[in-house]
Amino acid sequence: MSQRCHFSALFCYPATPRPHKIAAHSTQQQTRGHIMRTYLLAGAVAACAFLSVTTPATAQPLKTVEPGVLTVAFSGDMPGTGWQDGRMTGYDGEVLERVARALNLKIKPALMEWSGTIASVQSGRVDIMAGTMGWTAQRAKIMTLSDPIQYFKNGITQTEKTNWTRLKDLENKKVGTITGFSFIPELRKLDGLTLSLYDTSDAAVRDLLAGRIDAVIGDPPVMQYALSRNPDWKLKFNAFEDNDPKFPLLTGMGQVVFGMNKDSEALASAVNAEIAKLWKECAMRGIGKTYGLEQDVWYVPQGANARHGVDRPESWSLPACP
């Protein structure tokens, strides 16, 4: 999926007592930067302590950008990632907190736009990126991608006046999505579709509320989380009913993963070992319940395993928590 979006001001846990609400008719230019950073930056700039680290598996310190520290790139999109009281929050954030704690690493936050998170991993400025990022073969070529921490299926965020569930419903419509999302080339194939790209999901939803676009294709967990907490928007999310092999990224099952540098093999191995433990304990469901992600679709994989022969061997199986 994604993928990345920005509902930062709405859905991170506020670090100040003055929450800001989205205004349906505000413009992207007026609000984008303020909304994204109001709550997250104060916590994200806090310095992290440096600790010596030894992993039980190797009895050697894991190589990270800063010794004993796991520098994490994230965009602050809830329910994926947030930062409060010196720790990561959100589904992805809580998983990563547990992983880092098991590896004796102190998390150092690096808050940024989604479009910069992958580049920061590639350049070696951070150790790992988090935030409801969907696995793709293309991303597997440029980063080492973790085992899945969650599954998802994409869908259409729309007003209550419509009930679109299929790709054909988007033909000849004005549709918004987020710059950098993996399924953009597939959206462009739909007949008559006019595509608008946004830096943030915040901006895309504003335009949907203002009637400038007909629908938004965003991160499923972000959209469901947002809509459940803002019923006054009168918007809804319908998962795609299609399962079209010509549109695998839009209609297939997705895997939410973390991204690491290609040279960070030891770190990736250690992270995957801890993710496997969380799946075995079925801890994923407990974390997800906090953020309204309770359906089986998030924890039980369906369909073919697209990673076989790409970045996983044929013997590798998708984890699950039935």
C-alpha atoms as a PDB file:
ATOM      1  CA  MET A   1       0.000   0.000   0.000  1.00  0.00           C
ATOM      2  CA  SER A   2       1.279   2.560   0.109  1.00  0.00           C
ATOM      3  CA  GLN A   3       2.393   3.842   0.757  1.00  0.00           C
ATOM      4  CA  ARG A   4       2.192   6.784   3.034  1.00  0.00           C
ATOM      5  CA  CYS A   5      -0.278   9.534   4.020  1.00  0.00           C
ATOM      6  CA  HIS A   6      -0.496  12.368   6.494  1.00  0.00           C
ATOM      7  CA  PHE A   7      -3.280  12.775   9.008  1.00  0.00           C
ATOM      8  CA  SER A   8      -0.686  13.800  11.561  1.00  0.00           C
ATOM      9  CA  ALA A   9      -2.522  16.496  13.476  1.00  0.00           C
ATOM     10  CA  LEU A  10      -5.723  14.490  13.639  1.00  0.00           C
ATOM     11  CA  PHE A  11      -4.457  11.115  14.626  1.00  0.00           C
ATOM     12  CA  CYS A  12      -1.174  11.314  16.472  1.00  0.00           C
ATOM     13  CA  TYR A  13      -1.532  11.528  20.210  1.00  0.00           C
ATOM     14  CA  PRO A  14      -1.201  15.253  20.906  1.00  0.00           C
ATOM     15  CA  ALA A  15       1.846  16.372  22.841  1.00  0.00           C
ATOM     16  CA  THR A  16       0.244  19.757  23.536  1.00  0.00           C
ATOM     17  CA  PRO A  17      -3.158  20.534  25.080  1.00  0.00           C
ATOM     18  CA  ARG A  18      -4.400  22.395  21.993  1.00  0.00           C
ATOM     19  CA  PRO A  19      -5.487  19.924  19.293  1.00  0.00           C
ATOM     20  CA  HIS A  20      -6.136  21.180  15.783  1.00  0.00           C
ATOM     21  CA  LYS A  21      -8.993  19.848  13.696  1.00  0.00           C
ATOM     22  CA  ILE A  22      -9.120  19.621   9.937  1.00  0.00           C
ATOM     23  CA  ALA A  23     -11.256  22.332   8.382  1.00  0.00           C
ATOM     24  CA  ALA A  24     -13.130  20.999   5.397  1.00  0.00           C
ATOM     25  CA  HIS A  25     -12.659  24.125   3.289  1.00  0.00           C
ATOM     26  CA  SER A  26      -9.079  25.071   4.142  1.00  0.00           C
ATOM     27  CA  THR A  27      -6.594  24.965   1.301  1.00  0.00           C
ATOM     28  CA  GLN A  28      -3.634  22.650   1.035  1.00  0.00           C
ATOM     29  CA  GLN A  29      -1.230  25.588   0.892  1.00  0.00           C
ATOM     30  CA  GLN A  30      -2.584  27.183   4.054  1.00  0.00           C
ATOM     31  CA  THR A  31      -2.614  24.147   6.276  1.00  0.00           C
ATOM     32  CA  ARG A  32      -0.338  21.372   5.101  1.00  0.00           C
ATOM     33  CA  GLY A  33       2.913  22.196   6.859  1.00  0.00           C
ATOM     34  CA  HIS A  34       1.233  23.371  10.058  1.00  0.00           C
ATOM     35  CA  ILE A  35      -1.028  20.353  10.355  1.00  0.00           C
ATOM     36  CA  MET A  36       1.700  17.818   9.774  1.00  0.00           C
ATOM     37  CA  ARG A  37       4.182  19.157  12.278  1.00  0.00           C
ATOM     38  CA  THR A  38       2.230  20.756  15.127  1.00  0.00           C
ATOM     39  CA  TYR A  39       2.363  17.753  17.421  1.00  0.00           C
ATOM     40  CA  LEU A  40       5.153  15.573  16.150  1.00  0.00           C
ATOM     41  CA  LEU A  41       8.165  17.838  15.804  1.00  0.00           C
ATOM     42  CA  ALA A  42       8.480  18.733  19.449  1.00  0.00           C
ATOM     43  CA  GLY A  43       8.906  15.095  20.384  1.00  0.00           C
ATOM     44  CA  ALA A  44      10.811  14.092  17.299  1.00  0.00           C
ATOM     45  CA  VAL A  45      13.694  16.468  17.890  1.00  0.00           C
ATOM     46  CA  ALA A  46      14.378  15.094  21.354  1.00  0.00           C
ATOM     47  CA  ALA A  47      17.856  13.639  21.675  1.00  0.00           C
ATOM     48  CA  CYS A  48      18.191   9.932  22.326  1.00  0.00           C
ATOM     49  CA  ALA A  49      20.681   8.340  24.710  1.00  0.00           C
ATOM     50  CA  PHE A  50      23.504   6.264  23.307  1.00  0.00           C
ATOM     51  CA  LEU A  51      23.720   2.698  24.589  1.00  0.00           C
ATOM     52  CA  SER A  52      26.091  -0.139  23.824  1.00  0.00           C
ATOM     53  CA  VAL A  53      24.179  -3.005  22.251  1.00  0.00           C
ATOM     54  CA  THR A  54      24.717  -6.720  22.088  1.00  0.00           C
ATOM     55  CA  THR A  55      22.210  -8.999  20.404  1.00  0.00           C
ATOM     56  CA  PRO A  56      21.632 -12.452  21.849  1.00  0.00           C
ATOM     57  CA  ALA A  57      21.783 -14.028  18.377  1.00  0.00           C
ATOM     58  CA  THR A  58      25.213 -12.736  17.420  1.00  0.00           C
ATOM     59  CA  ALA A  59      26.808 -11.555  20.698  1.00  0.00           C
ATOM     60  CA  GLN A  60      28.054  -8.651  18.582  1.00  0.00           C
ATOM     61  CA  PRO A  61      26.783  -5.083  18.393  1.00  0.00           C
ATOM     62  CA  LEU A  62      24.384  -4.482  15.534  1.00  0.00           C
ATOM     63  CA  LYS A  63      25.714  -1.935  13.080  1.00  0.00           C
ATOM     64  CA  THR A  64      23.469   1.126  13.051  1.00  0.00           C
ATOM     65  CA  VAL A  65      23.886   4.743  11.980  1.00  0.00           C
ATOM     66  CA  GLU A  66      24.626   5.644  15.598  1.00  0.00           C
ATOM     67  CA  PRO A  67      25.862   2.961  18.015  1.00  0.00           C
ATOM     68  CA  GLY A  68      23.097   1.611  20.211  1.00  0.00           C
ATOM     69  CA  VAL A  69      20.476   3.710  18.438  1.00  0.00           C
ATOM     70  CA  LEU A  70      17.856   2.741  15.863  1.00  0.00           C
ATOM     71  CA  THR A  71      17.206   5.838  13.754  1.00  0.00           C
ATOM     72  CA  VAL A  72      13.678   5.590  12.348  1.00  0.00           C
ATOM     73  CA  ALA A  73      12.298   7.572   9.400  1.00  0.00           C
ATOM     74  CA  PHE A  74       8.528   8.036   9.638  1.00  0.00           C
ATOM     75  CA  SER A  75       5.881  10.471   8.487  1.00  0.00           C
ATOM     76  CA  GLY A  76       3.645  10.482  11.558  1.00  0.00           C
ATOM     77  CA  ASP A  77       0.574   9.037   9.880  1.00  0.00           C
ATOM     78  CA  MET A  78      -1.740   7.366  12.368  1.00  0.00           C
ATOM     79  CA  PRO A  79      -2.636   4.624  12.856  1.00  0.00           C
ATOM     80  CA  GLY A  80       0.773   3.690  11.438  1.00  0.00           C
ATOM     81  CA  THR A  81       3.266   5.917  13.205  1.00  0.00           C
ATOM     82  CA  GLY A  82       3.361   8.700  15.761  1.00  0.00           C
ATOM     83  CA  TRP A  83       5.632  10.018  18.505  1.00  0.00           C
ATOM     84  CA  GLN A  84       4.616  10.788  22.080  1.00  0.00           C
ATOM     85  CA  ASP A  85       6.423  11.013  25.387  1.00  0.00           C
ATOM     86  CA  GLY A  86       9.693   9.763  23.979  1.00  0.00           C
ATOM     87  CA  ARG A  87       8.376   6.667  22.227  1.00  0.00           C
ATOM     88  CA  MET A  88       6.776   5.620  18.974  1.00  0.00           C
ATOM     89  CA  THR A  89       3.034   5.099  18.823  1.00  0.00           C
ATOM     90  CA  GLY A  90       0.711   3.732  16.169  1.00  0.00           C
ATOM     91  CA  TYR A  91       0.521   0.153  14.923  1.00  0.00           C
ATOM     92  CA  ASP A  92       3.848   0.188  13.079  1.00  0.00           C
ATOM     93  CA  GLY A  93       5.371   2.305  15.819  1.00  0.00           C
ATOM     94  CA  GLU A  94       4.419  -0.079  18.615  1.00  0.00           C
ATOM     95  CA  VAL A  95       5.715  -3.069  16.676  1.00  0.00           C
ATOM     96  CA  LEU A  96       8.988  -1.247  16.104  1.00  0.00           C
ATOM     97  CA  GLU A  97       9.210  -0.239  19.776  1.00  0.00           C
ATOM     98  CA  ARG A  98       8.957  -3.903  20.784  1.00  0.00           C
ATOM     99  CA  VAL A  99      11.525  -4.925  18.195  1.00  0.00           C
ATOM    100  CA  ALA A 100      13.979  -2.225  19.254  1.00  0.00           C
ATOM    101  CA  ARG A 101      13.548  -3.049  22.931  1.00  0.00           C
ATOM    102  CA  ALA A 102      14.274  -6.731  22.266  1.00  0.00           C
ATOM    103  CA  LEU A 103      17.434  -5.745  20.379  1.00  0.00           C
ATOM    104  CA  ASN A 104      18.550  -3.322  23.111  1.00  0.00           C
ATOM    105  CA  LEU A 105      18.326  -0.378  20.740  1.00  0.00           C
ATOM    106  CA  LYS A 106      17.075   3.091  21.632  1.00  0.00           C
ATOM    107  CA  ILE A 107      14.798   4.601  19.001  1.00  0.00           C
ATOM    108  CA  LYS A 108      15.748   7.991  17.587  1.00  0.00           C
ATOM    109  CA  PRO A 109      12.884   9.582  15.613  1.00  0.00           C
ATOM    110  CA  ALA A 110      13.434  11.152  12.201  1.00  0.00           C
ATOM    111  CA  LEU A 111      10.132  12.769  11.206  1.00  0.00           C
ATOM    112  CA  MET A 112       9.824  13.663   7.521  1.00  0.00           C
ATOM    113  CA  GLU A 113       7.530  13.663   4.500  1.00  0.00           C
ATOM    114  CA  TRP A 114       6.697  10.197   3.189  1.00  0.00           C
ATOM    115  CA  SER A 115       8.489  10.994  -0.064  1.00  0.00           C
ATOM    116  CA  GLY A 116      11.765  11.353   1.849  1.00  0.00           C
ATOM    117  CA  THR A 117      11.643   8.208   3.963  1.00  0.00           C
ATOM    118  CA  ILE A 118      12.835   5.741   1.330  1.00  0.00           C
ATOM    119  CA  ALA A 119      15.594   8.072   0.150  1.00  0.00           C
ATOM    120  CA  SER A 120      16.828   8.475   3.724  1.00  0.00           C
ATOM    121  CA  VAL A 121      17.146   4.695   4.049  1.00  0.00           C
ATOM    122  CA  GLN A 122      18.959   4.383   0.729  1.00  0.00           C
ATOM    123  CA  SER A 123      21.430   7.121   1.624  1.00  0.00           C
ATOM    124  CA  GLY A 124      22.178   5.618   5.025  1.00  0.00           C
ATOM    125  CA  ARG A 125      20.922   8.606   7.017  1.00  0.00           C
ATOM    126  CA  VAL A 126      18.517   6.367   8.940  1.00  0.00           C
ATOM    127  CA  ASP A 127      18.459   2.678   9.815  1.00  0.00           C
ATOM    128  CA  ILE A 128      14.853   1.845   9.057  1.00  0.00           C
ATOM    129  CA  MET A 129      11.635   3.393   7.779  1.00  0.00           C
ATOM    130  CA  ALA A 130       8.152   2.696   9.099  1.00  0.00           C
ATOM    131  CA  GLY A 131       4.631   3.779   8.268  1.00  0.00           C
ATOM    132  CA  THR A 132       2.172   1.405   6.542  1.00  0.00           C
ATOM    133  CA  MET A 133       4.496   0.860   3.597  1.00  0.00           C
ATOM    134  CA  GLY A 134       3.319  -1.847   1.225  1.00  0.00           C
ATOM    135  CA  TRP A 135       5.708  -4.449  -0.164  1.00  0.00           C
ATOM    136  CA  THR A 136       6.445  -4.265  -3.902  1.00  0.00           C
ATOM    137  CA  ALA A 137       9.014  -5.991  -6.074  1.00  0.00           C
ATOM    138  CA  GLN A 138      10.367  -2.593  -7.087  1.00  0.00           C
ATOM    139  CA  ARG A 139      10.930  -1.552  -3.481  1.00  0.00           C
ATOM    140  CA  ALA A 140      12.579  -4.899  -2.798  1.00  0.00           C
ATOM    141  CA  LYS A 141      15.195  -3.967  -5.399  1.00  0.00           C
ATOM    142  CA  ILE A 142      16.242  -0.778  -3.628  1.00  0.00           C
ATOM    143  CA  MET A 143      15.752  -1.724   0.033  1.00  0.00           C
ATOM    144  CA  THR A 144      15.814  -4.776   2.255  1.00  0.00           C
ATOM    145  CA  LEU A 145      12.177  -5.239   3.228  1.00  0.00           C
ATOM    146  CA  SER A 146      11.156  -6.909   6.456  1.00  0.00           C
ATOM    147  CA  ASP A 147       8.722  -9.746   6.905  1.00  0.00           C
ATOM    148  CA  PRO A 148       5.138  -8.414   6.993  1.00  0.00           C
ATOM    149  CA  ILE A 149       3.817  -6.903  10.191  1.00  0.00           C
ATOM    150  CA  GLN A 150       0.271  -6.686   8.814  1.00  0.00           C
ATOM    151  CA  TYR A 151      -1.811  -7.289   5.680  1.00  0.00           C
ATOM    152  CA  PHE A 152      -4.253  -5.010   3.866  1.00  0.00           C
ATOM    153  CA  LYS A 153      -6.443  -4.524   0.823  1.00  0.00           C
ATOM    154  CA  ASN A 154      -6.831  -1.177  -0.947  1.00  0.00           C
ATOM    155  CA  GLY A 155     -10.134   0.556  -1.476  1.00  0.00           C
ATOM    156  CA  ILE A 156     -12.044   3.738  -2.286  1.00  0.00           C
ATOM    157  CA  THR A 157     -12.631   6.592   0.155  1.00  0.00           C
ATOM    158  CA  GLN A 158     -15.751   8.416  -1.022  1.00  0.00           C
ATOM    159  CA  THR A 159     -18.759  10.376   0.138  1.00  0.00           C
ATOM    160  CA  GLU A 160     -21.862   8.673   1.498  1.00  0.00           C
ATOM    161  CA  LYS A 161     -23.640   9.588  -1.750  1.00  0.00           C
ATOM    162  CA  THR A 162     -21.799   6.838  -3.649  1.00  0.00           C
ATOM    163  CA  ASN A 163     -21.115   3.155  -3.050  1.00  0.00           C
ATOM    164  CA  TRP A 164     -18.189   2.382  -5.346  1.00  0.00           C
ATOM    165  CA  THR A 165     -16.417  -0.937  -4.856  1.00  0.00           C
ATOM    166  CA  ARG A 166     -14.824  -1.765  -8.214  1.00  0.00           C
ATOM    167  CA  LEU A 167     -12.204  -0.313 -10.518  1.00  0.00           C
ATOM    168  CA  LYS A 168     -14.791   0.398 -13.209  1.00  0.00           C
ATOM    169  CA  ASP A 169     -16.552   2.727 -10.764  1.00  0.00           C
ATOM    170  CA  LEU A 170     -13.536   5.043 -10.989  1.00  0.00           C
ATOM    171  CA  GLU A 171     -13.648   5.401 -14.768  1.00  0.00           C
ATOM    172  CA  ASN A 172     -14.208   9.016 -15.865  1.00  0.00           C
ATOM    173  CA  LYS A 173     -13.856  10.197 -12.261  1.00  0.00           C
ATOM    174  CA  LYS A 174     -11.519  12.669 -10.542  1.00  0.00           C
ATOM    175  CA  VAL A 175      -9.421  10.642  -8.132  1.00  0.00           C
ATOM    176  CA  GLY A 176      -6.762  11.696  -5.655  1.00  0.00           C
ATOM    177  CA  THR A 177      -3.871   9.703  -4.244  1.00  0.00           C
ATOM    178  CA  ILE A 178      -0.481  10.306  -2.665  1.00  0.00           C
ATOM    179  CA  THR A 179       2.751  10.987  -4.536  1.00  0.00           C
ATOM    180  CA  GLY A 180       4.975   7.911  -4.448  1.00  0.00           C
ATOM    181  CA  PHE A 181       2.264   5.313  -3.927  1.00  0.00           C
ATOM    182  CA  SER A 182       3.119   2.062  -5.691  1.00  0.00           C
ATOM    183  CA  PHE A 183      -0.207   1.629  -7.509  1.00  0.00           C
ATOM    184  CA  ILE A 184      -0.169   4.976  -9.346  1.00  0.00           C
ATOM    185  CA  PRO A 185       0.767   3.403 -12.728  1.00  0.00           C
ATOM    186  CA  GLU A 186      -2.234   1.082 -12.406  1.00  0.00           C
ATOM    187  CA  LEU A 187      -4.598   3.969 -11.641  1.00  0.00           C
ATOM    188  CA  ARG A 188      -3.426   5.743 -14.776  1.00  0.00           C
ATOM    189  CA  LYS A 189      -4.647   2.770 -16.856  1.00  0.00           C
ATOM    190  CA  LEU A 190      -8.306   3.322 -15.946  1.00  0.00           C
ATOM    191  CA  ASP A 191     -10.368   4.822 -18.766  1.00  0.00           C
ATOM    192  CA  GLY A 192     -11.110   8.509 -18.386  1.00  0.00           C
ATOM    193  CA  LEU A 193      -9.719   8.758 -14.849  1.00  0.00           C
ATOM    194  CA  THR A 194      -8.278  12.169 -13.954  1.00  0.00           C
ATOM    195  CA  LEU A 195      -5.582  11.666 -11.334  1.00  0.00           C
ATOM    196  CA  SER A 196      -4.522  14.299  -8.809  1.00  0.00           C
ATOM    197  CA  LEU A 197      -1.380  13.687  -6.727  1.00  0.00           C
ATOM    198  CA  TYR A 198      -0.976  15.072  -3.217  1.00  0.00           C
ATOM    199  CA  ASP A 199       1.924  15.254  -0.797  1.00  0.00           C
ATOM    200  CA  THR A 200      -0.354  14.215   2.057  1.00  0.00           C
ATOM    201  CA  SER A 201      -3.592  12.334   2.633  1.00  0.00           C
ATOM    202  CA  ASP A 202      -4.670  15.324   4.680  1.00  0.00           C
ATOM    203  CA  ALA A 203      -4.667  17.460   1.536  1.00  0.00           C
ATOM    204  CA  ALA A 204      -6.391  14.786  -0.552  1.00  0.00           C
ATOM    205  CA  VAL A 205      -9.253  14.377   1.908  1.00  0.00           C
ATOM    206  CA  ARG A 206      -9.684  18.138   2.113  1.00  0.00           C
ATOM    207  CA  ASP A 207     -10.237  18.255  -1.635  1.00  0.00           C
ATOM    208  CA  LEU A 208     -12.678  15.342  -1.409  1.00  0.00           C
ATOM    209  CA  LEU A 209     -14.650  17.150   1.287  1.00  0.00           C
ATOM    210  CA  ALA A 210     -14.615  20.324  -0.808  1.00  0.00           C
ATOM    211  CA  GLY A 211     -15.918  18.457  -3.867  1.00  0.00           C
ATOM    212  CA  ARG A 212     -12.839  19.059  -6.000  1.00  0.00           C
ATOM    213  CA  ILE A 213     -12.285  15.319  -6.464  1.00  0.00           C
ATOM    214  CA  ASP A 214     -14.663  12.348  -6.412  1.00  0.00           C
ATOM    215  CA  ALA A 215     -12.626   9.814  -4.438  1.00  0.00           C
ATOM    216  CA  VAL A 216      -9.322   9.144  -2.687  1.00  0.00           C
ATOM    217  CA  ILE A 217      -7.262   5.972  -2.928  1.00  0.00           C
ATOM    218  CA  GLY A 218      -5.179   6.057   0.247  1.00  0.00           C
ATOM    219  CA  ASP A 219      -3.767   3.781   2.917  1.00  0.00           C
ATOM    220  CA  PRO A 220      -6.576   1.483   4.110  1.00  0.00           C
ATOM    221  CA  PRO A 221      -5.643   1.603   7.821  1.00  0.00           C
ATOM    222  CA  VAL A 222      -5.148   5.364   7.755  1.00  0.00           C
ATOM    223  CA  MET A 223      -8.456   5.934   6.009  1.00  0.00           C
ATOM    224  CA  GLN A 224     -10.462   3.603   8.228  1.00  0.00           C
ATOM    225  CA  TYR A 225      -8.903   5.055  11.353  1.00  0.00           C
ATOM    226  CA  ALA A 226      -9.609   8.609  10.197  1.00  0.00           C
ATOM    227  CA  LEU A 227     -13.191   8.028   9.113  1.00  0.00           C
ATOM    228  CA  SER A 228     -14.127   6.175  12.299  1.00  0.00           C
ATOM    229  CA  ARG A 229     -13.029   9.194  14.337  1.00  0.00           C
ATOM    230  CA  ASN A 230     -14.633  11.824  12.120  1.00  0.00           C
ATOM    231  CA  PRO A 231     -18.214  10.722  11.357  1.00  0.00           C
ATOM    232  CA  ASP A 232     -19.136  14.339  10.629  1.00  0.00           C
ATOM    233  CA  TRP A 233     -17.138  14.079   7.402  1.00  0.00           C
ATOM    234  CA  LYS A 234     -19.824  11.700   6.051  1.00  0.00           C
ATOM    235  CA  LEU A 235     -17.211   9.717   4.145  1.00  0.00           C
ATOM    236  CA  LYS A 236     -16.787   5.964   3.854  1.00  0.00           C
ATOM    237  CA  PHE A 237     -14.160   3.452   2.768  1.00  0.00           C
ATOM    238  CA  ASN A 238     -15.027   0.456   0.570  1.00  0.00           C
ATOM    239  CA  ALA A 239     -12.376  -2.180  -0.096  1.00  0.00           C
ATOM    240  CA  PHE A 240     -12.019  -3.180  -3.742  1.00  0.00           C
ATOM    241  CA  GLU A 241     -14.133  -6.211  -4.620  1.00  0.00           C
ATOM    242  CA  ASP A 242     -11.969  -6.781  -7.679  1.00  0.00           C
ATOM    243  CA  ASN A 243      -9.135  -9.300  -7.637  1.00  0.00           C
ATOM    244  CA  ASP A 244      -7.743  -8.464 -11.057  1.00  0.00           C
ATOM    245  CA  PRO A 245      -4.282  -9.821 -11.973  1.00  0.00           C
ATOM    246  CA  LYS A 246      -3.906  -6.859 -14.351  1.00  0.00           C
ATOM    247  CA  PHE A 247      -4.104  -4.554 -11.313  1.00  0.00           C
ATOM    248  CA  PRO A 248      -2.269  -6.529  -8.627  1.00  0.00           C
ATOM    249  CA  LEU A 249      -1.210  -3.565  -6.494  1.00  0.00           C
ATOM    250  CA  LEU A 250      -4.667  -2.016  -6.428  1.00  0.00           C
ATOM    251  CA  THR A 251      -6.749  -5.156  -5.963  1.00  0.00           C
ATOM    252  CA  GLY A 252      -4.424  -7.776  -4.489  1.00  0.00           C
ATOM    253  CA  MET A 253      -3.476  -8.476  -0.903  1.00  0.00           C
ATOM    254  CA  GLY A 254      -0.769  -6.168   0.400  1.00  0.00           C
ATOM    255  CA  GLN A 255       1.901  -6.655   3.035  1.00  0.00           C
ATOM    256  CA  VAL A 256       2.917  -3.860   5.407  1.00  0.00           C
ATOM    257  CA  VAL A 257       6.687  -3.918   5.902  1.00  0.00           C
ATOM    258  CA  PHE A 258       9.645  -1.958   7.254  1.00  0.00           C
ATOM    259  CA  GLY A 259      12.421  -0.840   4.891  1.00  0.00           C
ATOM    260  CA  MET A 260      16.163  -1.038   5.580  1.00  0.00           C
ATOM    261  CA  ASN A 261      19.357  -0.358   3.657  1.00  0.00           C
ATOM    262  CA  LYS A 262      20.608  -3.143   1.406  1.00  0.00           C
ATOM    263  CA  ASP A 263      23.861  -3.220   3.386  1.00  0.00           C
ATOM    264  CA  SER A 264      22.076  -3.785   6.709  1.00  0.00           C
ATOM    265  CA  GLU A 265      21.768  -7.565   6.465  1.00  0.00           C
ATOM    266  CA  ALA A 266      22.462  -8.259  10.139  1.00  0.00           C
ATOM    267  CA  LEU A 267      19.949  -5.652  11.271  1.00  0.00           C
ATOM    268  CA  ALA A 268      17.297  -6.978   8.888  1.00  0.00           C
ATOM    269  CA  SER A 269      17.833 -10.527  10.137  1.00  0.00           C
ATOM    270  CA  ALA A 270      17.501  -9.420  13.753  1.00  0.00           C
ATOM    271  CA  VAL A 271      14.368  -7.370  13.021  1.00  0.00           C
ATOM    272  CA  ASN A 272      12.733 -10.291  11.204  1.00  0.00           C
ATOM    273  CA  ALA A 273      13.491 -12.639  14.090  1.00  0.00           C
ATOM    274  CA  GLU A 274      11.638 -10.343  16.477  1.00  0.00           C
ATOM    275  CA  ILE A 275       8.729  -9.881  14.063  1.00  0.00           C
ATOM    276  CA  ALA A 276       8.405 -13.675  13.876  1.00  0.00           C
ATOM    277  CA  LYS A 277       8.138 -13.841  17.675  1.00  0.00           C
ATOM    278  CA  LEU A 278       5.362 -11.259  17.692  1.00  0.00           C
ATOM    279  CA  TRP A 279       3.399 -13.251  15.118  1.00  0.00           C
ATOM    280  CA  LYS A 280       3.920 -16.478  17.067  1.00  0.00           C
ATOM    281  CA  GLU A 281       2.591 -14.798  20.219  1.00  0.00           C
ATOM    282  CA  CYS A 282      -0.304 -13.294  18.220  1.00  0.00           C
ATOM    283  CA  ALA A 283       0.765  -9.939  19.628  1.00  0.00           C
ATOM    284  CA  MET A 284      -0.131  -8.246  16.339  1.00  0.00           C
ATOM    285  CA  ARG A 285      -3.864  -8.511  17.033  1.00  0.00           C
ATOM    286  CA  GLY A 286      -3.460  -6.981  20.467  1.00  0.00           C
ATOM    287  CA  ILE A 287      -1.566  -4.024  19.037  1.00  0.00           C
ATOM    288  CA  GLY A 288      -4.053  -3.578  16.207  1.00  0.00           C
ATOM    289  CA  LYS A 289      -7.060  -3.583  18.525  1.00  0.00           C
ATOM    290  CA  THR A 290      -5.803  -0.333  20.031  1.00  0.00           C
ATOM    291  CA  TYR A 291      -6.166   1.319  16.628  1.00  0.00           C
ATOM    292  CA  GLY A 292      -9.443  -0.236  15.511  1.00  0.00           C
ATOM    293  CA  LEU A 293      -7.774  -2.824  13.263  1.00  0.00           C
ATOM    294  CA  GLU A 294      -9.574  -5.935  14.450  1.00  0.00           C
ATOM    295  CA  GLN A 295     -10.739  -7.712  11.284  1.00  0.00           C
ATOM    296  CA  ASP A 296      -9.047 -10.888  10.060  1.00  0.00           C
ATOM    297  CA  VAL A 297      -7.962  -9.137   6.849  1.00  0.00           C
ATOM    298  CA  TRP A 298      -5.144  -7.439   8.782  1.00  0.00           C
ATOM    299  CA  TYR A 299      -3.712 -10.676  10.210  1.00  0.00           C
ATOM    300  CA  VAL A 300      -4.649 -13.590   7.946  1.00  0.00           C
ATOM    301  CA  PRO A 301      -3.059 -13.587   4.461  1.00  0.00           C
ATOM    302  CA  GLN A 302      -5.128 -14.535   1.441  1.00  0.00           C
ATOM    303  CA  GLY A 303      -4.090 -15.336  -2.108  1.00  0.00           C
ATOM    304  CA  ALA A 304      -0.705 -15.930  -3.684  1.00  0.00           C
ATOM    305  CA  ASN A 305       2.571 -15.023  -2.018  1.00  0.00           C
ATOM    306  CA  ALA A 306       4.105 -12.482  -4.386  1.00  0.00           C
ATOM    307  CA  ARG A 307       7.453 -12.488  -2.596  1.00  0.00           C
ATOM    308  CA  HIS A 308       8.442 -16.005  -3.645  1.00  0.00           C
ATOM    309  CA  GLY A 309      11.369 -15.774  -6.007  1.00  0.00           C
ATOM    310  CA  VAL A 310      11.710 -12.014  -5.456  1.00  0.00           C
ATOM    311  CA  ASP A 311      13.070 -11.444  -1.965  1.00  0.00           C
ATOM    312  CA  ARG A 312      12.020 -14.679  -0.250  1.00  0.00           C
ATOM    313  CA  PRO A 313      12.657 -18.363  -1.087  1.00  0.00           C
ATOM    314  CA  GLU A 314       9.874 -20.729  -2.116  1.00  0.00           C
ATOM    315  CA  SER A 315      10.049 -22.369   1.312  1.00  0.00           C
ATOM    316  CA  TRP A 316       9.126 -19.139   3.104  1.00  0.00           C
ATOM    317  CA  SER A 317       5.541 -18.851   4.350  1.00  0.00           C
ATOM    318  CA  LEU A 318       3.543 -15.770   5.230  1.00  0.00           C
ATOM    319  CA  PRO A 319       3.029 -15.417   8.989  1.00  0.00           C
ATOM    320  CA  ALA A 320      -0.502 -15.311  10.357  1.00  0.00           C
ATOM    321  CA  CYS A 321      -2.508 -14.875  13.523  1.00  0.00           C
ATOM    322  CA  PRO A 322      -5.858 -16.620  12.919  1.00  0.00           C
END
